[in-house]
Structure formats: structure tokens, C-alpha cells
Protein backbone atom coordinates (compact mmCIF):
# COMPACT_ATOMS: atom_id res chain seq x y z
CA MET A 1 -22.89 31.98 -53.23
CA THR A 2 -24.50 34.47 -50.51
CA LEU A 3 -24.69 32.88 -46.81
CA PRO A 4 -27.61 32.65 -45.35
CA ILE A 5 -27.68 34.70 -42.21
CA GLU A 6 -30.60 36.25 -40.18
CA PHE A 7 -29.69 38.72 -37.43
CA SER A 8 -32.62 39.06 -35.05
CA THR A 9 -34.28 43.07 -34.37
CA GLU A 10 -32.18 43.82 -31.40
CA VAL A 11 -28.02 42.28 -32.89
CA ALA A 12 -29.16 44.14 -36.32
CA GLU A 13 -29.82 47.48 -34.41
CA ALA A 14 -26.69 47.07 -32.11
CA ARG A 15 -24.82 46.95 -35.56
CA VAL A 16 -26.35 49.77 -36.86
CA GLU A 17 -25.54 52.09 -33.98
CA GLY A 18 -22.51 50.67 -33.27
CA ARG A 19 -23.19 49.05 -29.67
CA PRO A 20 -21.30 46.00 -28.27
CA LEU A 21 -22.35 43.18 -28.85
CA VAL A 22 -21.93 39.26 -27.44
CA ALA A 23 -22.04 35.89 -29.10
CA LEU A 24 -23.70 33.38 -26.74
CA GLU A 25 -23.69 29.34 -28.08
CA SER A 26 -26.33 27.41 -28.34
CA THR A 27 -24.84 23.82 -27.77
CA ILE A 28 -25.60 24.00 -24.19
CA ILE A 29 -28.95 24.53 -24.52
CA THR A 30 -29.66 21.54 -26.75
CA HIS A 31 -27.05 19.08 -24.92
CA GLY A 32 -25.71 20.80 -22.03
CA MET A 33 -28.95 21.15 -20.20
CA PRO A 34 -32.31 19.87 -19.47
CA HIS A 35 -35.18 21.46 -20.41
CA PRO A 36 -36.59 23.67 -18.60
CA GLN A 37 -32.87 24.68 -16.99
CA ASN A 38 -31.78 25.56 -20.66
CA ILE A 39 -34.25 27.67 -21.74
CA GLU A 40 -33.81 29.78 -18.52
CA THR A 41 -30.18 29.61 -18.01
CA ALA A 42 -30.08 31.19 -22.07
CA LEU A 43 -32.58 33.99 -20.79
CA ARG A 44 -30.92 34.89 -17.80
CA VAL A 45 -27.43 35.05 -19.64
CA GLU A 46 -28.49 36.91 -22.30
CA ALA A 47 -29.76 39.43 -19.34
CA GLU A 48 -26.61 39.26 -17.58
CA VAL A 49 -25.58 40.34 -21.06
CA ARG A 50 -27.88 43.32 -21.45
CA ALA A 51 -27.32 44.54 -17.62
CA ALA A 52 -23.62 44.49 -18.28
CA GLY A 53 -24.04 47.07 -21.01
CA ALA A 54 -23.96 44.46 -23.71
CA VAL A 55 -25.95 42.96 -26.72
CA PRO A 56 -26.34 39.24 -26.30
CA ALA A 57 -26.43 37.52 -30.08
CA THR A 58 -27.36 33.66 -29.22
CA ILE A 59 -25.82 31.58 -32.58
CA ALA A 60 -27.87 28.93 -34.09
CA VAL A 61 -28.83 27.42 -37.03
CA LEU A 62 -32.01 26.88 -37.99
CA ALA A 63 -33.93 25.70 -41.15
CA GLY A 64 -31.01 25.86 -42.41
CA ARG A 65 -30.02 29.67 -42.28
CA LEU A 66 -27.73 30.88 -39.93
CA HIS A 67 -29.52 33.15 -37.20
CA VAL A 68 -27.00 35.64 -34.61
CA GLY A 69 -29.04 36.45 -32.28
CA LEU A 70 -32.80 34.35 -31.53
CA GLU A 71 -36.28 35.82 -31.13
CA PRO A 72 -37.82 34.15 -27.92
CA ALA A 73 -40.10 32.47 -29.56
CA ALA A 74 -36.71 30.73 -31.81
CA LEU A 75 -34.88 30.74 -28.24
CA GLU A 76 -37.98 28.49 -26.86
CA ALA A 77 -38.29 26.02 -30.05
CA LEU A 78 -34.58 24.69 -30.06
CA ALA A 79 -34.17 24.43 -26.25
CA ARG A 80 -37.76 22.25 -26.65
CA ALA A 81 -36.33 19.90 -29.62
CA THR A 82 -34.81 16.89 -30.06
CA ASP A 83 -32.76 15.23 -32.59
CA VAL A 84 -30.73 18.55 -32.85
CA ALA A 85 -27.59 18.22 -34.88
CA LYS A 86 -23.68 19.38 -32.50
CA LEU A 87 -22.31 21.75 -34.95
CA SER A 88 -18.25 21.75 -35.15
CA ARG A 89 -16.38 23.56 -38.09
CA ALA A 90 -16.91 19.97 -40.08
CA ASP A 91 -20.16 19.79 -40.26
CA PHE A 92 -21.27 23.47 -39.77
CA ALA A 93 -21.24 24.14 -43.75
CA ILE A 94 -23.72 20.61 -44.49
CA CYS A 95 -26.11 21.16 -41.83
CA LEU A 96 -26.85 24.78 -43.07
CA ALA A 97 -26.50 23.41 -46.81
CA ARG A 98 -28.85 20.69 -46.43
CA GLY A 99 -31.06 22.93 -44.78
CA GLY A 100 -30.53 21.74 -41.36
CA THR A 101 -31.09 23.17 -37.69
CA GLY A 102 -28.21 22.88 -35.18
CA ALA A 103 -26.35 24.17 -32.45
CA THR A 104 -23.34 25.62 -32.66
CA THR A 105 -20.17 24.75 -30.46
CA VAL A 106 -17.02 26.76 -28.88
CA ALA A 107 -15.55 26.18 -33.10
CA ALA A 108 -18.85 27.04 -35.08
CA THR A 109 -19.84 29.88 -32.60
CA MET A 110 -16.40 31.40 -33.55
CA ILE A 111 -17.00 31.25 -36.63
CA ALA A 112 -20.26 32.95 -37.05
CA ALA A 113 -19.27 35.39 -34.01
CA ARG A 114 -16.12 36.45 -37.14
CA LEU A 115 -18.28 35.97 -39.24
CA ALA A 116 -21.72 38.63 -37.49
CA GLY A 117 -18.43 41.23 -36.82
CA ILE A 118 -18.61 40.42 -32.77
CA GLY A 119 -15.02 39.80 -31.10
CA THR A 120 -16.04 38.24 -27.54
CA PHE A 121 -17.73 35.16 -27.04
CA ALA A 122 -19.39 33.98 -23.37
CA THR A 123 -19.68 30.32 -22.73
CA GLY A 124 -19.59 27.77 -19.67
CA GLY A 125 -15.88 25.93 -20.57
CA ILE A 126 -14.23 24.69 -24.00
CA GLY A 127 -13.53 21.70 -25.23
CA GLY A 128 -10.10 19.73 -25.48
CA VAL A 129 -7.97 16.95 -24.67
CA HIS A 130 -10.45 14.23 -23.46
CA ARG A 131 -8.37 12.03 -21.36
CA GLY A 132 -6.89 8.47 -23.36
CA ALA A 133 -6.83 10.75 -26.12
CA GLU A 134 -3.58 9.29 -26.30
CA ASN A 135 -5.82 5.94 -27.98
CA SER A 136 -8.70 7.39 -28.97
CA PHE A 137 -7.48 11.29 -30.51
CA ASP A 138 -10.45 12.19 -29.00
CA ILE A 139 -9.16 16.17 -29.65
CA SER A 140 -12.28 19.32 -29.51
CA ALA A 141 -11.71 21.53 -32.94
CA ASP A 142 -12.35 24.43 -30.24
CA LEU A 143 -8.47 24.61 -30.20
CA GLN A 144 -7.38 24.43 -33.40
CA GLU A 145 -10.52 26.80 -34.03
CA LEU A 146 -8.78 29.54 -31.31
CA ALA A 147 -5.86 29.69 -33.70
CA ARG A 148 -7.76 30.86 -36.35
CA THR A 149 -10.49 33.38 -35.34
CA PRO A 150 -9.83 35.84 -34.11
CA VAL A 151 -12.80 35.98 -30.97
CA THR A 152 -12.23 36.64 -27.19
CA VAL A 153 -13.70 33.83 -26.05
CA VAL A 154 -14.66 33.66 -21.78
CA CYS A 155 -15.34 30.34 -20.34
CA ALA A 156 -14.56 28.62 -16.93
CA GLY A 157 -11.69 26.81 -18.28
CA ALA A 158 -11.81 23.53 -20.02
CA LYS A 159 -14.57 21.02 -18.69
CA ALA A 160 -13.12 19.79 -15.99
CA ILE A 161 -13.68 16.18 -17.51
CA LEU A 162 -11.03 16.67 -20.25
CA ASP A 163 -7.70 16.07 -19.09
CA LEU A 164 -6.69 19.45 -18.81
CA PRO A 165 -3.03 19.61 -18.45
CA LYS A 166 -2.18 18.27 -22.28
CA THR A 167 -5.68 20.69 -23.31
CA PHE A 168 -3.21 23.85 -21.85
CA GLU A 169 -0.33 22.34 -23.45
CA VAL A 170 -1.97 21.66 -26.87
CA LEU A 171 -2.82 25.49 -27.06
CA GLU A 172 0.39 26.63 -25.95
CA THR A 173 1.69 24.64 -29.03
CA LEU A 174 -0.90 26.87 -31.43
CA GLY A 175 -0.31 29.81 -30.21
CA VAL A 176 -3.02 30.33 -28.64
CA PRO A 177 -2.73 33.19 -25.03
CA VAL A 178 -4.36 31.65 -22.15
CA ILE A 179 -5.58 34.29 -19.95
CA VAL A 180 -6.29 33.75 -15.96
CA HIS A 181 -8.97 36.54 -14.70
CA GLY A 182 -8.15 37.56 -11.51
CA GLN A 183 -5.97 34.97 -10.03
CA ASP A 184 -2.97 33.01 -10.74
CA GLU A 185 -4.00 29.34 -11.41
CA ILE A 186 -6.04 27.76 -13.78
CA PRO A 187 -10.02 27.12 -12.92
CA ALA A 188 -11.72 23.94 -13.75
CA PHE A 189 -14.51 24.92 -14.79
CA TRP A 190 -16.62 23.71 -11.71
CA SER A 191 -13.58 24.52 -9.64
CA ARG A 192 -11.41 27.60 -9.25
CA SER A 193 -8.64 25.25 -8.81
CA SER A 194 -6.74 22.99 -11.46
CA GLY A 195 -3.30 22.43 -9.87
CA LEU A 196 -2.16 24.03 -12.95
CA PRO A 197 0.08 27.66 -12.70
CA ALA A 198 -1.68 30.10 -15.13
CA PRO A 199 0.28 30.72 -18.20
CA LEU A 200 -0.61 35.43 -18.80
CA ARG A 201 -2.92 36.83 -15.77
CA LEU A 202 -5.23 40.15 -16.88
CA ASP A 203 -7.01 41.47 -14.32
CA SER A 204 -9.59 43.74 -16.23
CA ALA A 205 -11.34 43.72 -18.98
CA ALA A 206 -9.95 47.01 -20.74
CA GLU A 207 -6.37 45.03 -20.14
CA ILE A 208 -7.77 42.19 -22.19
CA ALA A 209 -9.52 44.35 -24.58
CA ARG A 210 -6.48 45.90 -24.99
CA ALA A 211 -4.55 42.85 -25.86
CA GLN A 212 -6.72 41.26 -28.26
CA ALA A 213 -6.44 44.80 -30.15
CA MET A 214 -2.50 44.37 -30.12
CA ARG A 215 -2.54 40.86 -31.50
CA SER A 216 -4.56 42.30 -34.21
CA ALA A 217 -2.18 45.35 -34.76
CA LEU A 218 0.85 42.21 -34.72
CA GLY A 219 -1.07 40.71 -37.39
CA LEU A 220 -1.60 37.54 -35.70
CA PRO A 221 -4.37 34.85 -36.51
CA GLY A 222 -6.52 33.70 -33.79
CA GLY A 223 -8.21 34.73 -30.64
CA GLN A 224 -7.51 34.53 -27.26
CA LEU A 225 -8.72 32.20 -24.08
CA VAL A 226 -9.89 33.85 -21.06
CA ALA A 227 -10.51 31.62 -18.28
CA ASN A 228 -13.19 33.21 -15.49
CA PRO A 229 -12.71 31.79 -12.43
CA ILE A 230 -16.45 30.65 -10.70
CA PRO A 231 -17.72 32.57 -7.82
CA VAL A 232 -16.23 31.20 -4.83
CA ALA A 233 -19.92 30.53 -3.65
CA ASP A 234 -20.68 28.53 -6.46
CA GLU A 235 -17.71 26.27 -6.79
CA ILE A 236 -17.29 22.48 -6.84
CA PRO A 237 -14.09 21.78 -5.08
CA ALA A 238 -11.74 19.65 -7.34
CA ASP A 239 -10.98 17.39 -4.90
CA ILE A 240 -14.95 16.76 -4.19
CA LEU A 241 -15.34 16.02 -7.72
CA ALA A 242 -12.38 14.55 -8.80
CA PRO A 243 -14.00 10.70 -7.81
CA VAL A 244 -17.26 11.95 -9.48
CA ILE A 245 -15.86 12.10 -13.16
CA ALA A 246 -13.70 9.17 -12.45
CA GLN A 247 -17.14 6.82 -12.24
CA ALA A 248 -18.88 8.92 -15.01
CA GLN A 249 -15.65 8.51 -17.43
CA ALA A 250 -15.97 4.78 -16.75
CA ASP A 251 -19.59 4.46 -16.89
CA ALA A 252 -18.79 6.45 -20.66
CA ALA A 253 -16.42 3.14 -21.42
CA ALA A 254 -18.33 0.82 -20.40
CA GLN A 255 -21.25 1.54 -21.96
CA GLY A 256 -18.67 1.96 -25.27
CA ILE A 257 -20.25 6.22 -25.37
CA ALA A 258 -17.12 7.74 -27.90
CA ALA A 259 -17.11 11.01 -30.54
CA LYS A 260 -19.67 13.93 -29.91
CA ALA A 261 -21.79 11.52 -27.56
CA VAL A 262 -19.31 12.01 -25.16
CA THR A 263 -19.19 15.35 -23.10
CA PRO A 264 -22.80 15.59 -23.39
CA PHE A 265 -23.23 11.83 -21.42
CA LEU A 266 -21.06 12.67 -18.95
CA LEU A 267 -22.11 16.48 -17.81
CA GLY A 268 -25.30 14.33 -17.93
CA ARG A 269 -23.58 11.57 -15.62
CA ILE A 270 -22.40 14.21 -13.38
CA PHE A 271 -25.36 15.90 -12.86
CA GLU A 272 -27.08 12.53 -11.48
CA LEU A 273 -23.76 11.53 -9.10
CA THR A 274 -24.14 15.24 -7.82
CA GLU A 275 -27.61 15.11 -7.28
CA GLY A 276 -27.84 18.36 -9.41
CA ARG A 277 -25.03 20.43 -7.76
CA SER A 278 -23.11 20.39 -11.06
CA LEU A 279 -26.02 22.16 -12.93
CA GLU A 280 -26.01 25.18 -10.41
CA ALA A 281 -21.88 25.82 -10.10
CA ASN A 282 -22.30 25.71 -14.59
CA ILE A 283 -25.18 28.32 -14.79
CA ALA A 284 -23.83 30.25 -11.67
CA LEU A 285 -20.75 29.92 -13.76
CA VAL A 286 -22.07 30.90 -17.74
CA LEU A 287 -23.70 34.07 -15.87
CA ASN A 288 -20.33 34.77 -14.16
CA ASN A 289 -18.86 34.47 -17.82
CA ALA A 290 -21.71 36.60 -19.97
CA ARG A 291 -20.60 39.33 -17.25
CA LEU A 292 -16.89 39.12 -18.13
CA ALA A 293 -18.05 38.98 -21.74
CA ALA A 294 -20.18 41.74 -21.71
CA GLU A 295 -17.38 43.95 -20.36
CA ILE A 296 -14.90 43.20 -22.60
CA ALA A 297 -17.06 43.93 -25.62
CA ARG A 298 -18.17 47.34 -24.09
CA GLU A 299 -13.91 47.87 -23.33
CA MET A 300 -13.09 46.86 -27.43
CA THR A 301 -15.91 48.95 -28.16
CA VAL A 302 -14.18 52.39 -26.59
CA ASP A 303 -11.09 51.23 -28.39
CA ALA A 304 -12.69 50.48 -32.05
């Protein structure tokens, strides 16, 4: 069977010319932010990638076709759409086979990036081990995907709503390198500090690109996670966020929120409780990650 994949004009030209590409997920557009902040942020993230010398490739499934790079009209339509599926490894193929429309999570975006020959991906934060997972077994497929798919994922750490120590223990068990960019502590999404020491630290895009190339040379499967701290001016300190996250978690439990609905609910509730400050921080960290991912993609192109 032929894969129903389409490349935007910009991405298709970049592939022919051998220019650096950065994959971008679409769940942040459909499930992570309200309209119009979602489309505004998506356009700003793409602009940051271009300004840093790479080509953005926002990925989504539209009417049963995998799109790598979205034309402006398609991006706007996705930002306004409702009831869009949230796709991960388990349901990615089903959505395509049924002619559906879906936004890609970290895991699905990594799969699509590999198919398109894109080695670098910028996102906000990865999924991981949810709090209470010892009872719910709610663990994101993002972690297994990082162990399987050779893509460098640039994020601001795992989302702070998760059980961060367990998340990074799982990544260690799976053999996924967790590289913190420029500091000795793993960042916690909206906050620069998680209290967890950096397993690995690299201070330049060139070093990060060489590390992925060396993994390939060694024949090691999977990618690497680059935890890029939110800029100092934009962070929300962890001690301020802790009671907010606890309240959002309690509200989710009281309302019986479960499975894929948990993360969007918590992010929305934290937005309300912080009076929008969490969204401002989210936008800032995504832009910051886009810049670093573009630099890494450029270095990967030089080394290729």
C-alpha cells in the first residue's frame, strides 16, 4: 500500500535542495491552546524556525492524508477545527485508513518525521508518567517512541503536570539520552528548575547534532531528548506552580477525567488558575525550543 503523504510546497523544495527541516507537532494547535492564540503561536513558531535558518514542517492528518508541512489555509482550518482526533502510535494508522483528521502528538510526529527524513523536532513538552500511574498505568507513548524512532526532540522538559522523577527513570531504563541544554538541572516545562539533576549536559547545537550522528554510527535505535530551559524572564517558578497543579489534579479526579482527556483538561485548568500566565510561558518556551531545534537541524545538515 502506498502511504498517503503530502508535502507542502516549502517543505518539498527544502527536501530537494537539502535544506535543514524541523518537524512541528499539531496537537499543541488543536488541544494545547485556545483560538486565536493557537494559530498565532503556530505562525510565530514557524517564523522562528525560518529566522534561525531552517524550514518548518508542521505535521497533521487531514482527510486521511499525512501532511508534512501545512499551507496557510490548512493551518488556519486546523486551528479552528473541533473534535479533532489526538493521534499517537496506536491510532495513527486507523485515522489514515478511515480518511479521518487528526493532530499529531510527540509520538506520532516522530513517526511522521522519520518517514519524511526529518531528524529534528521542536515541541513544548513531552508526555510521560502521569501522577498516580502506579494505579492508573497512565504512561505516554512518547517515552517508548523516543526509544524507537531516531529523531532528536527539543522540548522544555516533560510537562510539569506529570510525575517527573518517574518519567525520567523510565527514559533511563529505555536507554533514551536526556540532554539538558546549558544547565545542570532538568527543566520542568514552565519552570527552569525541577530539582532533578541533568543526566547529560551539552551546551551547543553542534554537540547535540554530533551526539545523534554518533548514535546512528553505533547502530543504536531511537532518538534523544533535549531539555531546553524556558528563558529566565518567562518562567513561572516551580514553588508557585505546585499548588496550582495540585488543584488542577484534584479537579480532574473529581470530574472523572481520564486517558487522553487528562492533559488538555489540566492545561486548561492551569490556564484558568494562573489567569493566563501559563499560556504566556508556554508560548515563550515553544518559541525558544524552535530556535534551538533549527540550530540543531542546521548542524545536522552540515554533518550529513
